Amino acid sequence: MNVDVSEFEESFEEFSNLMQKKLKKKIVIKKNILQVEQVSTSKARDALKQTLHKLEPNKYRVISKTDSLKVKKIKSKSHKNKKSGGTPPSAPQSMPYFFPRS
């Protein structure tokens, strides 16, 4: 099982130690990939989610693929402020039947 952690910005040693404690399996680090031996995808995904939540909650998410997992950083959405389009119309303009012109 390969876990791609290329977008993970924190320390890999602490992350791999926590994963190793959760899974109780041998983990080999190669560049940005963690190789976990003899573990199912669902167990690895659950342990990965728990570890990420312990280190950085709501900052990363886990993407599952066949025989591999990927850690992706959650993109922050910027909310644009609505600009007012002017002022609302006056009462005589919006309800001419209540304000008849003489």
PDB file of N, CA and C in Angstrom:
ATOM      1  N   MET A   1       0.844  -1.165   0.000  1.00  0.00           N
ATOM      2  CA  MET A   1       0.000   0.000   0.000  1.00  0.00           C
ATOM      3  C   MET A   1       0.895   1.235   0.000  1.00  0.00           C
ATOM      4  N   ASN A   2       0.708   2.110  -0.971  1.00  0.00           N
ATOM      5  CA  ASN A   2       1.470   3.344  -1.067  1.00  0.00           C
ATOM      6  C   ASN A   2       0.600   4.518  -0.642  1.00  0.00           C
ATOM      7  N   VAL A   3       1.187   5.419   0.122  1.00  0.00           N
ATOM      8  CA  VAL A   3       0.506   6.638   0.562  1.00  0.00           C
ATOM      9  C   VAL A   3       1.322   7.822   0.080  1.00  0.00           C
ATOM     10  N   ASP A   4       0.746   8.592  -0.834  1.00  0.00           N
ATOM     11  CA  ASP A   4       1.420   9.765  -1.383  1.00  0.00           C
ATOM     12  C   ASP A   4       1.156  10.949  -0.458  1.00  0.00           C
ATOM     13  N   VAL A   5       2.210  11.467   0.150  1.00  0.00           N
ATOM     14  CA  VAL A   5       2.088  12.585   1.090  1.00  0.00           C
ATOM     15  C   VAL A   5       2.849  13.809   0.585  1.00  0.00           C
ATOM     16  N   SER A   6       2.862  14.003  -0.726  1.00  0.00           N
ATOM     17  CA  SER A   6       3.634  15.104  -1.306  1.00  0.00           C
ATOM     18  C   SER A   6       3.074  16.476  -0.916  1.00  0.00           C
ATOM     19  N   GLU A   7       1.776  16.572  -0.647  1.00  0.00           N
ATOM     20  CA  GLU A   7       1.181  17.859  -0.270  1.00  0.00           C
ATOM     21  C   GLU A   7       1.180  18.085   1.240  1.00  0.00           C
ATOM     22  N   PHE A   8       1.664  17.114   1.996  1.00  0.00           N
ATOM     23  CA  PHE A   8       1.714  17.241   3.447  1.00  0.00           C
ATOM     24  C   PHE A   8       2.906  18.109   3.820  1.00  0.00           C
ATOM     25  N   GLU A   9       2.672  19.184   4.557  1.00  0.00           N
ATOM     26  CA  GLU A   9       3.720  20.176   4.826  1.00  0.00           C
ATOM     27  C   GLU A   9       4.352  20.053   6.206  1.00  0.00           C
ATOM     28  N   GLU A  10       3.858  19.149   7.026  1.00  0.00           N
ATOM     29  CA  GLU A  10       4.371  19.018   8.390  1.00  0.00           C
ATOM     30  C   GLU A  10       5.526  18.012   8.405  1.00  0.00           C
ATOM     31  N   SER A  11       5.986  17.629   9.580  1.00  0.00           N
ATOM     32  CA  SER A  11       7.127  16.719   9.694  1.00  0.00           C
ATOM     33  C   SER A  11       6.705  15.284   9.371  1.00  0.00           C
ATOM     34  N   PHE A  12       7.460  14.649   8.481  1.00  0.00           N
ATOM     35  CA  PHE A  12       7.153  13.279   8.066  1.00  0.00           C
ATOM     36  C   PHE A  12       7.466  12.269   9.162  1.00  0.00           C
ATOM     37  N   GLU A  13       8.481  12.552   9.991  1.00  0.00           N
ATOM     38  CA  GLU A  13       8.871  11.604  11.036  1.00  0.00           C
ATOM     39  C   GLU A  13       7.744  11.414  12.049  1.00  0.00           C
ATOM     40  N   GLU A  14       7.194  12.524  12.512  1.00  0.00           N
ATOM     41  CA  GLU A  14       6.096  12.453  13.474  1.00  0.00           C
ATOM     42  C   GLU A  14       4.871  11.776  12.849  1.00  0.00           C
ATOM     43  N   PHE A  15       4.596  12.131  11.600  1.00  0.00           N
ATOM     44  CA  PHE A  15       3.463  11.543  10.888  1.00  0.00           C
ATOM     45  C   PHE A  15       3.638  10.038  10.717  1.00  0.00           C
ATOM     46  N   SER A  16       4.825   9.608  10.289  1.00  0.00           N
ATOM     47  CA  SER A  16       5.053   8.170  10.084  1.00  0.00           C
ATOM     48  C   SER A  16       5.060   7.410  11.410  1.00  0.00           C
ATOM     49  N   ASN A  17       5.561   8.027  12.474  1.00  0.00           N
ATOM     50  CA  ASN A  17       5.533   7.378  13.790  1.00  0.00           C
ATOM     51  C   ASN A  17       4.100   7.159  14.271  1.00  0.00           C
ATOM     52  N   LEU A  18       3.248   8.161  14.106  1.00  0.00           N
ATOM     53  CA  LEU A  18       1.848   8.015  14.503  1.00  0.00           C
ATOM     54  C   LEU A  18       1.139   6.955  13.659  1.00  0.00           C
ATOM     55  N   MET A  19       1.440   6.941  12.361  1.00  0.00           N
ATOM     56  CA  MET A  19       0.840   5.920  11.480  1.00  0.00           C
ATOM     57  C   MET A  19       1.301   4.524  11.889  1.00  0.00           C
ATOM     58  N   GLN A  20       2.562   4.408  12.230  1.00  0.00           N
ATOM     59  CA  GLN A  20       3.111   3.111  12.623  1.00  0.00           C
ATOM     60  C   GLN A  20       2.475   2.628  13.923  1.00  0.00           C
ATOM     61  N   LYS A  21       2.217   3.539  14.854  1.00  0.00           N
ATOM     62  CA  LYS A  21       1.550   3.168  16.108  1.00  0.00           C
ATOM     63  C   LYS A  21       0.110   2.729  15.858  1.00  0.00           C
ATOM     64  N   LYS A  22      -0.575   3.410  14.938  1.00  0.00           N
ATOM     65  CA  LYS A  22      -1.965   3.074  14.636  1.00  0.00           C
ATOM     66  C   LYS A  22      -2.077   1.725  13.936  1.00  0.00           C
ATOM     67  N   LEU A  23      -1.237   1.524  12.917  1.00  0.00           N
ATOM     68  CA  LEU A  23      -1.351   0.313  12.090  1.00  0.00           C
ATOM     69  C   LEU A  23      -0.586  -0.878  12.650  1.00  0.00           C
ATOM     70  N   LYS A  24       0.452  -0.608  13.445  1.00  0.00           N
ATOM     71  CA  LYS A  24       1.327  -1.656  13.977  1.00  0.00           C
ATOM     72  C   LYS A  24       1.950  -2.478  12.845  1.00  0.00           C
ATOM     73  N   LYS A  25       2.355  -1.764  11.794  1.00  0.00           N
ATOM     74  CA  LYS A  25       3.023  -2.363  10.631  1.00  0.00           C
ATOM     75  C   LYS A  25       4.286  -1.571  10.324  1.00  0.00           C
ATOM     76  N   LYS A  26       5.161  -2.170   9.543  1.00  0.00           N
ATOM     77  CA  LYS A  26       6.393  -1.497   9.148  1.00  0.00           C
ATOM     78  C   LYS A  26       6.084  -0.482   8.048  1.00  0.00           C
ATOM     79  N   ILE A  27       6.641   0.720   8.211  1.00  0.00           N
ATOM     80  CA  ILE A  27       6.448   1.787   7.230  1.00  0.00           C
ATOM     81  C   ILE A  27       7.813   2.220   6.704  1.00  0.00           C
ATOM     82  N   VAL A  28       7.934   2.261   5.372  1.00  0.00           N
ATOM     83  CA  VAL A  28       9.167   2.684   4.712  1.00  0.00           C
ATOM     84  C   VAL A  28       8.892   4.019   4.028  1.00  0.00           C
ATOM     85  N   ILE A  29       9.786   4.999   4.261  1.00  0.00           N
ATOM     86  CA  ILE A  29       9.628   6.324   3.664  1.00  0.00           C
ATOM     87  C   ILE A  29      10.552   6.428   2.457  1.00  0.00           C
ATOM     88  N   LYS A  30       9.968   6.737   1.293  1.00  0.00           N
ATOM     89  CA  LYS A  30      10.736   6.982   0.074  1.00  0.00           C
ATOM     90  C   LYS A  30      10.262   8.299  -0.522  1.00  0.00           C
ATOM     91  N   LYS A  31      11.103   9.319  -0.409  1.00  0.00           N
ATOM     92  CA  LYS A  31      10.793  10.688  -0.836  1.00  0.00           C
ATOM     93  C   LYS A  31       9.463  11.130  -0.244  1.00  0.00           C
ATOM     94  N   ASN A  32       8.419  11.224  -1.047  1.00  0.00           N
ATOM     95  CA  ASN A  32       7.113  11.681  -0.565  1.00  0.00           C
ATOM     96  C   ASN A  32       6.092  10.547  -0.516  1.00  0.00           C
ATOM     97  N   ILE A  33       6.571   9.319  -0.459  1.00  0.00           N
ATOM     98  CA  ILE A  33       5.673   8.170  -0.446  1.00  0.00           C
ATOM     99  C   ILE A  33       5.973   7.299   0.770  1.00  0.00           C
ATOM    100  N   LEU A  34       4.913   6.970   1.491  1.00  0.00           N
ATOM    101  CA  LEU A  34       5.028   6.025   2.599  1.00  0.00           C
ATOM    102  C   LEU A  34       4.566   4.666   2.096  1.00  0.00           C
ATOM    103  N   GLN A  35       5.382   3.644   2.289  1.00  0.00           N
ATOM    104  CA  GLN A  35       5.001   2.299   1.883  1.00  0.00           C
ATOM    105  C   GLN A  35       4.672   1.499   3.140  1.00  0.00           C
ATOM    106  N   VAL A  36       3.409   1.060   3.224  1.00  0.00           N
ATOM    107  CA  VAL A  36       2.933   0.279   4.363  1.00  0.00           C
ATOM    108  C   VAL A  36       2.741  -1.149   3.871  1.00  0.00           C
ATOM    109  N   GLU A  37       3.271  -2.091   4.647  1.00  0.00           N
ATOM    110  CA  GLU A  37       3.217  -3.487   4.217  1.00  0.00           C
ATOM    111  C   GLU A  37       2.003  -4.200   4.791  1.00  0.00           C
ATOM    112  N   GLN A  38       1.358  -4.997   3.976  1.00  0.00           N
ATOM    113  CA  GLN A  38       0.289  -5.912   4.357  1.00  0.00           C
ATOM    114  C   GLN A  38      -0.817  -5.254   5.173  1.00  0.00           C
ATOM    115  N   VAL A  39      -1.481  -4.301   4.582  1.00  0.00           N
ATOM    116  CA  VAL A  39      -2.616  -3.655   5.242  1.00  0.00           C
ATOM    117  C   VAL A  39      -3.677  -3.360   4.176  1.00  0.00           C
ATOM    118  N   SER A  40      -4.938  -3.463   4.571  1.00  0.00           N
ATOM    119  CA  SER A  40      -6.015  -3.197   3.620  1.00  0.00           C
ATOM    120  C   SER A  40      -6.163  -1.692   3.402  1.00  0.00           C
ATOM    121  N   THR A  41      -6.793  -1.355   2.299  1.00  0.00           N
ATOM    122  CA  THR A  41      -6.972   0.052   1.960  1.00  0.00           C
ATOM    123  C   THR A  41      -7.837   0.765   2.991  1.00  0.00           C
ATOM    124  N   SER A  42      -8.893   0.104   3.431  1.00  0.00           N
ATOM    125  CA  SER A  42      -9.799   0.766   4.387  1.00  0.00           C
ATOM    126  C   SER A  42      -9.129   1.012   5.738  1.00  0.00           C
ATOM    127  N   LYS A  43      -8.335   0.050   6.224  1.00  0.00           N
ATOM    128  CA  LYS A  43      -7.630   0.253   7.493  1.00  0.00           C
ATOM    129  C   LYS A  43      -6.593   1.357   7.374  1.00  0.00           C
ATOM    130  N   ALA A  44      -5.876   1.376   6.259  1.00  0.00           N
ATOM    131  CA  ALA A  44      -4.866   2.414   6.047  1.00  0.00           C
ATOM    132  C   ALA A  44      -5.524   3.784   5.931  1.00  0.00           C
ATOM    133  N   ARG A  45      -6.652   3.855   5.225  1.00  0.00           N
ATOM    134  CA  ARG A  45      -7.363   5.125   5.072  1.00  0.00           C
ATOM    135  C   ARG A  45      -7.864   5.636   6.421  1.00  0.00           C
ATOM    136  N   ASP A  46      -8.438   4.753   7.225  1.00  0.00           N
ATOM    137  CA  ASP A  46      -8.935   5.162   8.540  1.00  0.00           C
ATOM    138  C   ASP A  46      -7.808   5.645   9.448  1.00  0.00           C
ATOM    139  N   ALA A  47      -6.693   4.914   9.453  1.00  0.00           N
ATOM    140  CA  ALA A  47      -5.548   5.321  10.272  1.00  0.00           C
ATOM    141  C   ALA A  47      -4.969   6.644   9.780  1.00  0.00           C
ATOM    142  N   LEU A  48      -4.950   6.823   8.463  1.00  0.00           N
ATOM    143  CA  LEU A  48      -4.448   8.062   7.877  1.00  0.00           C
ATOM    144  C   LEU A  48      -5.336   9.245   8.259  1.00  0.00           C
ATOM    145  N   LYS A  49      -6.642   9.063   8.194  1.00  0.00           N
ATOM    146  CA  LYS A  49      -7.568  10.132   8.580  1.00  0.00           C
ATOM    147  C   LYS A  49      -7.419  10.495  10.051  1.00  0.00           C
ATOM    148  N   GLN A  50      -7.289   9.485  10.908  1.00  0.00           N
ATOM    149  CA  GLN A  50      -7.139   9.740  12.338  1.00  0.00           C
ATOM    150  C   GLN A  50      -5.835  10.475  12.632  1.00  0.00           C
ATOM    151  N   THR A  51      -4.771  10.073  11.967  1.00  0.00           N
ATOM    152  CA  THR A  51      -3.469  10.715  12.171  1.00  0.00           C
ATOM    153  C   THR A  51      -3.499  12.161  11.696  1.00  0.00           C
ATOM    154  N   LEU A  52      -4.084  12.394  10.521  1.00  0.00           N
ATOM    155  CA  LEU A  52      -4.174  13.757   9.999  1.00  0.00           C
ATOM    156  C   LEU A  52      -5.024  14.632  10.909  1.00  0.00           C
ATOM    157  N   HIS A  53      -6.105  14.073  11.438  1.00  0.00           N
ATOM    158  CA  HIS A  53      -6.957  14.852  12.323  1.00  0.00           C
ATOM    159  C   HIS A  53      -6.236  15.194  13.629  1.00  0.00           C
ATOM    160  N   LYS A  54      -5.393  14.279  14.084  1.00  0.00           N
ATOM    161  CA  LYS A  54      -4.643  14.529  15.319  1.00  0.00           C
ATOM    162  C   LYS A  54      -3.592  15.623  15.117  1.00  0.00           C
ATOM    163  N   LEU A  55      -2.945  15.622  13.952  1.00  0.00           N
ATOM    164  CA  LEU A  55      -1.901  16.609  13.689  1.00  0.00           C
ATOM    165  C   LEU A  55      -2.476  17.946  13.239  1.00  0.00           C
ATOM    166  N   GLU A  56      -3.276  17.937  12.200  1.00  0.00           N
ATOM    167  CA  GLU A  56      -3.817  19.163  11.611  1.00  0.00           C
ATOM    168  C   GLU A  56      -5.281  18.957  11.246  1.00  0.00           C
ATOM    169  N   PRO A  57      -6.210  19.157  12.168  1.00  0.00           N
ATOM    170  CA  PRO A  57      -7.617  18.944  11.840  1.00  0.00           C
ATOM    171  C   PRO A  57      -8.118  19.949  10.794  1.00  0.00           C
ATOM    172  N   ASN A  58      -8.919  19.453   9.876  1.00  0.00           N
ATOM    173  CA  ASN A  58      -9.572  20.260   8.838  1.00  0.00           C
ATOM    174  C   ASN A  58      -8.596  20.967   7.898  1.00  0.00           C
ATOM    175  N   LYS A  59      -7.421  20.400   7.729  1.00  0.00           N
ATOM    176  CA  LYS A  59      -6.453  21.010   6.812  1.00  0.00           C
ATOM    177  C   LYS A  59      -6.152  20.096   5.620  1.00  0.00           C
ATOM    178  N   TYR A  60      -6.299  18.785   5.806  1.00  0.00           N
ATOM    179  CA  TYR A  60      -5.996  17.815   4.762  1.00  0.00           C
ATOM    180  C   TYR A  60      -7.148  16.831   4.605  1.00  0.00           C
ATOM    181  N   ARG A  61      -7.217  16.198   3.427  1.00  0.00           N
ATOM    182  CA  ARG A  61      -8.186  15.133   3.196  1.00  0.00           C
ATOM    183  C   ARG A  61      -7.503  13.970   2.510  1.00  0.00           C
ATOM    184  N   VAL A  62      -8.162  12.814   2.529  1.00  0.00           N
ATOM    185  CA  VAL A  62      -7.569  11.589   1.997  1.00  0.00           C
ATOM    186  C   VAL A  62      -8.338  11.170   0.749  1.00  0.00           C
ATOM    187  N   ILE A  63      -7.619  10.922  -0.329  1.00  0.00           N
ATOM    188  CA  ILE A  63      -8.186  10.446  -1.586  1.00  0.00           C
ATOM    189  C   ILE A  63      -7.790   8.986  -1.755  1.00  0.00           C
ATOM    190  N   SER A  64      -8.776   8.117  -1.976  1.00  0.00           N
ATOM    191  CA  SER A  64      -8.511   6.682  -2.146  1.00  0.00           C
ATOM    192  C   SER A  64      -8.487   6.322  -3.620  1.00  0.00           C
ATOM    193  N   LYS A  65      -7.502   5.543  -4.005  1.00  0.00           N
ATOM    194  CA  LYS A  65      -7.410   4.960  -5.336  1.00  0.00           C
ATOM    195  C   LYS A  65      -7.086   3.488  -5.137  1.00  0.00           C
ATOM    196  N   THR A  66      -7.131   2.712  -6.189  1.00  0.00           N
ATOM    197  CA  THR A  66      -6.812   1.295  -6.044  1.00  0.00           C
ATOM    198  C   THR A  66      -5.344   1.139  -5.675  1.00  0.00           C
ATOM    199  N   ASP A  67      -5.085   0.469  -4.582  1.00  0.00           N
ATOM    200  CA  ASP A  67      -3.740   0.193  -4.060  1.00  0.00           C
ATOM    201  C   ASP A  67      -2.941   1.424  -3.670  1.00  0.00           C
ATOM    202  N   SER A  68      -3.571   2.574  -3.542  1.00  0.00           N
ATOM    203  CA  SER A  68      -2.826   3.748  -3.085  1.00  0.00           C
ATOM    204  C   SER A  68      -3.769   4.768  -2.461  1.00  0.00           C
ATOM    205  N   LEU A  69      -3.196   5.607  -1.635  1.00  0.00           N
ATOM    206  CA  LEU A  69      -3.920   6.709  -0.999  1.00  0.00           C
ATOM    207  C   LEU A  69      -3.138   7.984  -1.240  1.00  0.00           C
ATOM    208  N   LYS A  70      -3.836   9.104  -1.244  1.00  0.00           N
ATOM    209  CA  LYS A  70      -3.166  10.380  -1.456  1.00  0.00           C
ATOM    210  C   LYS A  70      -3.689  11.388  -0.448  1.00  0.00           C
ATOM    211  N   VAL A  71      -2.771  12.144   0.143  1.00  0.00           N
ATOM    212  CA  VAL A  71      -3.125  13.211   1.073  1.00  0.00           C
ATOM    213  C   VAL A  71      -3.142  14.509   0.286  1.00  0.00           C
ATOM    214  N   LYS A  72      -4.290  15.184   0.309  1.00  0.00           N
ATOM    215  CA  LYS A  72      -4.425  16.443  -0.414  1.00  0.00           C
ATOM    216  C   LYS A  72      -4.749  17.546   0.570  1.00  0.00           C
ATOM    217  N   LYS A  73      -4.221  18.707   0.301  1.00  0.00           N
ATOM    218  CA  LYS A  73      -4.499  19.871   1.129  1.00  0.00           C
ATOM    219  C   LYS A  73      -5.850  20.445   0.703  1.00  0.00           C
ATOM    220  N   ILE A  74      -6.658  20.810   1.679  1.00  0.00           N
ATOM    221  CA  ILE A  74      -7.965  21.387   1.381  1.00  0.00           C
ATOM    222  C   ILE A  74      -7.768  22.832   0.976  1.00  0.00           C
ATOM    223  N   LYS A  75      -8.317  23.183  -0.177  1.00  0.00           N
ATOM    224  CA  LYS A  75      -8.201  24.555  -0.662  1.00  0.00           C
ATOM    225  C   LYS A  75      -9.197  25.423   0.080  1.00  0.00           C
ATOM    226  N   SER A  76      -8.723  26.558   0.536  1.00  0.00           N
ATOM    227  CA  SER A  76      -9.618  27.470   1.246  1.00  0.00           C
ATOM    228  C   SER A  76     -10.415  28.278   0.226  1.00  0.00           C
ATOM    229  N   LYS A  77     -11.676  28.406   0.508  1.00  0.00           N
ATOM    230  CA  LYS A  77     -12.549  29.164  -0.382  1.00  0.00           C
ATOM    231  C   LYS A  77     -12.641  30.595   0.130  1.00  0.00           C
ATOM    232  N   SER A  78     -12.390  31.518  -0.748  1.00  0.00           N
ATOM    233  CA  SER A  78     -12.508  32.917  -0.350  1.00  0.00           C
ATOM    234  C   SER A  78     -13.910  33.396  -0.715  1.00  0.00           C
ATOM    235  N   HIS A  79     -14.535  33.997   0.237  1.00  0.00           N
ATOM    236  CA  HIS A  79     -15.873  34.512   0.020  1.00  0.00           C
ATOM    237  C   HIS A  79     -15.782  35.969  -0.421  1.00  0.00           C
ATOM    238  N   LYS A  80     -16.364  36.224  -1.551  1.00  0.00           N
ATOM    239  CA  LYS A  80     -16.350  37.593  -2.030  1.00  0.00           C
ATOM    240  C   LYS A  80     -17.536  38.341  -1.438  1.00  0.00           C
ATOM    241  N   ASN A  81     -17.275  39.553  -1.028  1.00  0.00           N
ATOM    242  CA  ASN A  81     -18.350  40.370  -0.479  1.00  0.00           C
ATOM    243  C   ASN A  81     -19.250  40.842  -1.611  1.00  0.00           C
ATOM    244  N   LYS A  82     -20.537  40.765  -1.355  1.00  0.00           N
ATOM    245  CA  LYS A  82     -21.467  41.254  -2.358  1.00  0.00           C
ATOM    246  C   LYS A  82     -21.457  42.775  -2.335  1.00  0.00           C
ATOM    247  N   LYS A  83     -21.284  43.330  -3.506  1.00  0.00           N
ATOM    248  CA  LYS A  83     -21.344  44.775  -3.597  1.00  0.00           C
ATOM    249  C   LYS A  83     -22.797  45.161  -3.823  1.00  0.00           C
ATOM    250  N   SER A  84     -23.193  46.180  -3.115  1.00  0.00           N
ATOM    251  CA  SER A  84     -24.581  46.604  -3.288  1.00  0.00           C
ATOM    252  C   SER A  84     -24.728  47.247  -4.657  1.00  0.00           C
ATOM    253  N   GLY A  85     -25.822  46.977  -5.278  1.00  0.00           N
ATOM    254  CA  GLY A  85     -26.074  47.505  -6.613  1.00  0.00           C
ATOM    255  C   GLY A  85     -26.746  48.863  -6.569  1.00  0.00           C
ATOM    256  N   GLY A  86     -26.616  49.564  -5.506  1.00  0.00           N
ATOM    257  CA  GLY A  86     -27.239  50.869  -5.361  1.00  0.00           C
ATOM    258  C   GLY A  86     -28.205  50.857  -4.208  1.00  0.00           C
ATOM    259  N   THR A  87     -29.163  51.733  -4.284  1.00  0.00           N
ATOM    260  CA  THR A  87     -30.150  51.821  -3.222  1.00  0.00           C
ATOM    261  C   THR A  87     -31.468  51.225  -3.714  1.00  0.00           C
ATOM    262  N   PRO A  88     -32.280  50.731  -2.804  1.00  0.00           N
ATOM    263  CA  PRO A  88     -33.578  50.210  -3.235  1.00  0.00           C
ATOM    264  C   PRO A  88     -34.476  51.353  -3.710  1.00  0.00           C
ATOM    265  N   PRO A  89     -35.406  51.038  -4.575  1.00  0.00           N
ATOM    266  CA  PRO A  89     -36.283  52.111  -5.080  1.00  0.00           C
ATOM    267  C   PRO A  89     -37.178  52.657  -3.973  1.00  0.00           C
ATOM    268  N   SER A  90     -37.603  53.880  -4.141  1.00  0.00           N
ATOM    269  CA  SER A  90     -38.468  54.502  -3.139  1.00  0.00           C
ATOM    270  C   SER A  90     -39.858  53.868  -3.224  1.00  0.00           C
ATOM    271  N   ALA A  91     -40.662  54.116  -2.216  1.00  0.00           N
ATOM    272  CA  ALA A  91     -42.002  53.525  -2.151  1.00  0.00           C
ATOM    273  C   ALA A  91     -42.866  53.927  -3.355  1.00  0.00           C
ATOM    274  N   PRO A  92     -42.892  55.195  -3.767  1.00  0.00           N
ATOM    275  CA  PRO A  92     -43.727  55.525  -4.939  1.00  0.00           C
ATOM    276  C   PRO A  92     -43.253  54.854  -6.233  1.00  0.00           C
ATOM    277  N   GLN A  93     -41.982  54.592  -6.344  1.00  0.00           N
ATOM    278  CA  GLN A  93     -41.475  53.943  -7.547  1.00  0.00           C
ATOM    279  C   GLN A  93     -41.811  52.456  -7.570  1.00  0.00           C
ATOM    280  N   SER A  94     -41.757  51.797  -6.423  1.00  0.00           N
ATOM    281  CA  SER A  94     -42.001  50.363  -6.409  1.00  0.00           C
ATOM    282  C   SER A  94     -43.480  50.008  -6.296  1.00  0.00           C
ATOM    283  N   MET A  95     -44.307  50.904  -5.728  1.00  0.00           N
ATOM    284  CA  MET A  95     -45.753  50.642  -5.576  1.00  0.00           C
ATOM    285  C   MET A  95     -46.548  51.847  -6.074  1.00  0.00           C
ATOM    286  N   PRO A  96     -46.607  52.044  -7.382  1.00  0.00           N
ATOM    287  CA  PRO A  96     -47.285  53.239  -7.891  1.00  0.00           C
ATOM    288  C   PRO A  96     -48.790  53.239  -7.632  1.00  0.00           C
ATOM    289  N   TYR A  97     -49.383  52.072  -7.407  1.00  0.00           N
ATOM    290  CA  TYR A  97     -50.825  52.017  -7.164  1.00  0.00           C
ATOM    291  C   TYR A  97     -51.184  52.557  -5.787  1.00  0.00           C
ATOM    292  N   PHE A  98     -50.251  52.586  -4.841  1.00  0.00           N
ATOM    293  CA  PHE A  98     -50.518  53.178  -3.538  1.00  0.00           C
ATOM    294  C   PHE A  98     -50.211  54.674  -3.528  1.00  0.00           C
ATOM    295  N   PHE A  99     -49.413  55.114  -4.464  1.00  0.00           N
ATOM    296  CA  PHE A  99     -49.023  56.520  -4.524  1.00  0.00           C
ATOM    297  C   PHE A  99     -49.337  57.075  -5.924  1.00  0.00           C
ATOM    298  N   PRO A 100     -50.614  57.263  -6.216  1.00  0.00           N
ATOM    299  CA  PRO A 100     -50.958  57.758  -7.565  1.00  0.00           C
ATOM    300  C   PRO A 100     -50.516  59.215  -7.745  1.00  0.00           C
ATOM    301  N   ARG A 101     -50.123  59.506  -8.946  1.00  0.00           N
ATOM    302  CA  ARG A 101     -49.711  60.881  -9.254  1.00  0.00           C
ATOM    303  C   ARG A 101     -50.959  61.651  -9.680  1.00  0.00           C
ATOM    304  N   SER A 102     -51.033  62.831  -9.201  1.00  0.00           N
ATOM    305  CA  SER A 102     -52.228  63.589  -9.507  1.00  0.00           C
ATOM    306  C   SER A 102     -52.178  64.263 -10.827  1.00  0.00           C
TER     307      SER A 102
END
